Amino acid sequence: MEYIVERKDKYKVIKFIGNMDVHSVHKIEKSMMEEVKKESKVNLVMDLTKVDFVSSAGLRVLVGTLKVCQELGSTLTLCGLKPSVQKVFDIVDMNSMFQIKSNLDEIIN
């Protein structure tokens, strides 16, 4: 798993590439959280378009990121959930916890 950070207008976008499982998440979690903490009151978007699988470890990182954003006064929106990832969110009833949009354009425009 890897990620790319981009600026799109007033949004800080983190685009993930690869599966969010226990092995891959541990490789990026520390650096990704440091990136999230760099700014307060930011509009953060996590783009999961290129993520095919999210395990409980991946969900833990997403929930942890949401908590940090709330502490910093930032917003967090997820986008680009594939059906397999959306199904995980449905099963664990996390849809109400996050703002979820279908794609990045829906957020920015």
C-alpha atoms as a PDB file:
ATOM      1  CA  MET A   1       0.000   0.000   0.000  1.00  0.00           C
ATOM      2  CA  GLU A   2       1.096   3.512  -0.731  1.00  0.00           C
ATOM      3  CA  TYR A   3      -0.482   6.928  -0.836  1.00  0.00           C
ATOM      4  CA  ILE A   4      -0.106  10.207  -2.687  1.00  0.00           C
ATOM      5  CA  VAL A   5      -0.944  13.612  -1.199  1.00  0.00           C
ATOM      6  CA  GLU A   6      -2.319  16.319  -3.496  1.00  0.00           C
ATOM      7  CA  ARG A   7      -3.919  19.724  -3.148  1.00  0.00           C
ATOM      8  CA  LYS A   8      -7.195  20.303  -4.989  1.00  0.00           C
ATOM      9  CA  ASP A   9      -8.555  23.789  -4.397  1.00  0.00           C
ATOM     10  CA  LYS A  10      -9.287  24.003  -0.670  1.00  0.00           C
ATOM     11  CA  TYR A  11      -8.914  20.239  -0.153  1.00  0.00           C
ATOM     12  CA  LYS A  12      -5.993  18.079   0.930  1.00  0.00           C
ATOM     13  CA  VAL A  13      -6.463  14.765  -0.869  1.00  0.00           C
ATOM     14  CA  ILE A  14      -4.790  11.524   0.171  1.00  0.00           C
ATOM     15  CA  LYS A  15      -5.093   8.948  -2.605  1.00  0.00           C
ATOM     16  CA  PHE A  16      -4.499   5.365  -1.481  1.00  0.00           C
ATOM     17  CA  ILE A  17      -3.188   2.663  -3.791  1.00  0.00           C
ATOM     18  CA  GLY A  18      -3.407  -1.007  -2.802  1.00  0.00           C
ATOM     19  CA  ASN A  19      -5.226  -3.031  -0.187  1.00  0.00           C
ATOM     20  CA  MET A  20      -5.711  -1.728   3.346  1.00  0.00           C
ATOM     21  CA  ASP A  21      -4.849  -4.881   5.251  1.00  0.00           C
ATOM     22  CA  VAL A  22      -2.878  -5.520   8.428  1.00  0.00           C
ATOM     23  CA  HIS A  23       0.474  -5.787   6.635  1.00  0.00           C
ATOM     24  CA  SER A  24       0.165  -2.812   4.322  1.00  0.00           C
ATOM     25  CA  VAL A  25      -1.431  -0.419   6.807  1.00  0.00           C
ATOM     26  CA  HIS A  26       1.428  -0.788   9.281  1.00  0.00           C
ATOM     27  CA  LYS A  27       3.868   0.328   6.570  1.00  0.00           C
ATOM     28  CA  ILE A  28       2.118   3.658   5.977  1.00  0.00           C
ATOM     29  CA  GLU A  29       0.185   4.429   9.149  1.00  0.00           C
ATOM     30  CA  LYS A  30       2.798   6.532  10.942  1.00  0.00           C
ATOM     31  CA  SER A  31       3.773   8.690   7.956  1.00  0.00           C
ATOM     32  CA  MET A  32       0.155   9.078   6.860  1.00  0.00           C
ATOM     33  CA  MET A  33      -0.932  10.211  10.338  1.00  0.00           C
ATOM     34  CA  GLU A  34       1.936  12.719  10.410  1.00  0.00           C
ATOM     35  CA  GLU A  35       0.640  14.077   7.096  1.00  0.00           C
ATOM     36  CA  VAL A  36      -2.882  14.399   8.550  1.00  0.00           C
ATOM     37  CA  LYS A  37      -1.560  16.245  11.620  1.00  0.00           C
ATOM     38  CA  LYS A  38       0.456  18.812   9.617  1.00  0.00           C
ATOM     39  CA  GLU A  39      -2.491  21.208   9.384  1.00  0.00           C
ATOM     40  CA  SER A  40      -5.516  21.946  11.495  1.00  0.00           C
ATOM     41  CA  LYS A  41      -8.876  23.010  10.139  1.00  0.00           C
ATOM     42  CA  VAL A  42      -8.217  21.394   6.771  1.00  0.00           C
ATOM     43  CA  ASN A  43     -10.731  19.738   4.441  1.00  0.00           C
ATOM     44  CA  LEU A  44      -9.223  16.263   4.195  1.00  0.00           C
ATOM     45  CA  VAL A  45     -10.345  13.787   1.548  1.00  0.00           C
ATOM     46  CA  MET A  46      -9.298  10.152   1.529  1.00  0.00           C
ATOM     47  CA  ASP A  47      -9.685   8.799  -1.995  1.00  0.00           C
ATOM     48  CA  LEU A  48     -10.123   5.012  -1.936  1.00  0.00           C
ATOM     49  CA  THR A  49     -10.714   4.618  -5.678  1.00  0.00           C
ATOM     50  CA  LYS A  50      -7.679   2.334  -6.041  1.00  0.00           C
ATOM     51  CA  VAL A  51      -8.374   0.251  -2.917  1.00  0.00           C
ATOM     52  CA  ASP A  52      -9.948  -3.172  -3.489  1.00  0.00           C
ATOM     53  CA  PHE A  53      -9.971  -4.445   0.107  1.00  0.00           C
ATOM     54  CA  VAL A  54     -10.185  -2.959   3.597  1.00  0.00           C
ATOM     55  CA  SER A  55      -9.593  -5.168   6.636  1.00  0.00           C
ATOM     56  CA  SER A  56     -10.322  -4.373  10.278  1.00  0.00           C
ATOM     57  CA  ALA A  57      -6.800  -2.886  10.491  1.00  0.00           C
ATOM     58  CA  GLY A  58      -7.654  -0.539   7.631  1.00  0.00           C
ATOM     59  CA  LEU A  59     -10.914   0.440   9.319  1.00  0.00           C
ATOM     60  CA  ARG A  60      -8.984   1.147  12.529  1.00  0.00           C
ATOM     61  CA  VAL A  61      -6.713   3.564  10.645  1.00  0.00           C
ATOM     62  CA  LEU A  62      -9.691   5.320   9.060  1.00  0.00           C
ATOM     63  CA  VAL A  63     -11.450   5.692  12.420  1.00  0.00           C
ATOM     64  CA  GLY A  64      -8.193   6.921  13.984  1.00  0.00           C
ATOM     65  CA  THR A  65      -7.837   9.483  11.217  1.00  0.00           C
ATOM     66  CA  LEU A  66     -11.409  10.658  11.792  1.00  0.00           C
ATOM     67  CA  LYS A  67     -10.666  11.113  15.494  1.00  0.00           C
ATOM     68  CA  VAL A  68      -7.520  13.146  14.760  1.00  0.00           C
ATOM     69  CA  CYS A  69      -9.444  15.303  12.280  1.00  0.00           C
ATOM     70  CA  GLN A  70     -12.132  16.002  14.864  1.00  0.00           C
ATOM     71  CA  GLU A  71      -9.469  16.983  17.418  1.00  0.00           C
ATOM     72  CA  LEU A  72      -7.836  19.360  14.899  1.00  0.00           C
ATOM     73  CA  GLY A  73     -11.102  20.915  13.745  1.00  0.00           C
ATOM     74  CA  SER A  74     -10.646  19.384  10.299  1.00  0.00           C
ATOM     75  CA  THR A  75     -13.218  17.638   8.154  1.00  0.00           C
ATOM     76  CA  LEU A  76     -12.797  14.169   6.658  1.00  0.00           C
ATOM     77  CA  THR A  77     -14.605  12.865   3.607  1.00  0.00           C
ATOM     78  CA  LEU A  78     -14.073   9.460   2.018  1.00  0.00           C
ATOM     79  CA  CYS A  79     -14.670   8.895  -1.663  1.00  0.00           C
ATOM     80  CA  GLY A  80     -14.358   6.292  -4.370  1.00  0.00           C
ATOM     81  CA  LEU A  81     -15.423   3.239  -2.352  1.00  0.00           C
ATOM     82  CA  LYS A  82     -15.608   0.211  -4.608  1.00  0.00           C
ATOM     83  CA  PRO A  83     -18.521  -2.187  -3.986  1.00  0.00           C
ATOM     84  CA  SER A  84     -16.241  -4.599  -2.088  1.00  0.00           C
ATOM     85  CA  VAL A  85     -15.101  -1.808   0.240  1.00  0.00           C
ATOM     86  CA  GLN A  86     -18.607  -0.356   0.580  1.00  0.00           C
ATOM     87  CA  LYS A  87     -19.808  -3.809   1.619  1.00  0.00           C
ATOM     88  CA  VAL A  88     -17.351  -3.818   4.537  1.00  0.00           C
ATOM     89  CA  PHE A  89     -18.641  -0.401   5.638  1.00  0.00           C
ATOM     90  CA  ASP A  90     -22.216  -1.712   5.386  1.00  0.00           C
ATOM     91  CA  ILE A  91     -21.458  -4.855   7.401  1.00  0.00           C
ATOM     92  CA  VAL A  92     -19.840  -2.976  10.292  1.00  0.00           C
ATOM     93  CA  ASP A  93     -22.358  -0.105  10.034  1.00  0.00           C
ATOM     94  CA  MET A  94     -19.750   2.634   9.569  1.00  0.00           C
ATOM     95  CA  ASN A  95     -21.587   4.592   6.873  1.00  0.00           C
ATOM     96  CA  SER A  96     -23.086   7.025   9.377  1.00  0.00           C
ATOM     97  CA  MET A  97     -19.694   7.637  10.973  1.00  0.00           C
ATOM     98  CA  PHE A  98     -18.104   9.069   7.825  1.00  0.00           C
ATOM     99  CA  GLN A  99     -19.037  11.515   5.106  1.00  0.00           C
ATOM    100  CA  ILE A 100     -18.866   9.357   1.983  1.00  0.00           C
ATOM    101  CA  LYS A 101     -19.102  10.599  -1.599  1.00  0.00           C
ATOM    102  CA  SER A 102     -18.957   8.591  -4.801  1.00  0.00           C
ATOM    103  CA  ASN A 103     -15.959  10.387  -6.297  1.00  0.00           C
ATOM    104  CA  LEU A 104     -13.568  13.297  -5.862  1.00  0.00           C
ATOM    105  CA  ASP A 105     -15.389  15.525  -8.354  1.00  0.00           C
ATOM    106  CA  GLU A 106     -18.542  15.298  -6.256  1.00  0.00           C
ATOM    107  CA  ILE A 107     -16.637  16.809  -3.326  1.00  0.00           C
ATOM    108  CA  ILE A 108     -14.638  19.483  -5.122  1.00  0.00           C
ATOM    109  CA  ASN A 109     -17.352  20.777  -7.468  1.00  0.00           C
END
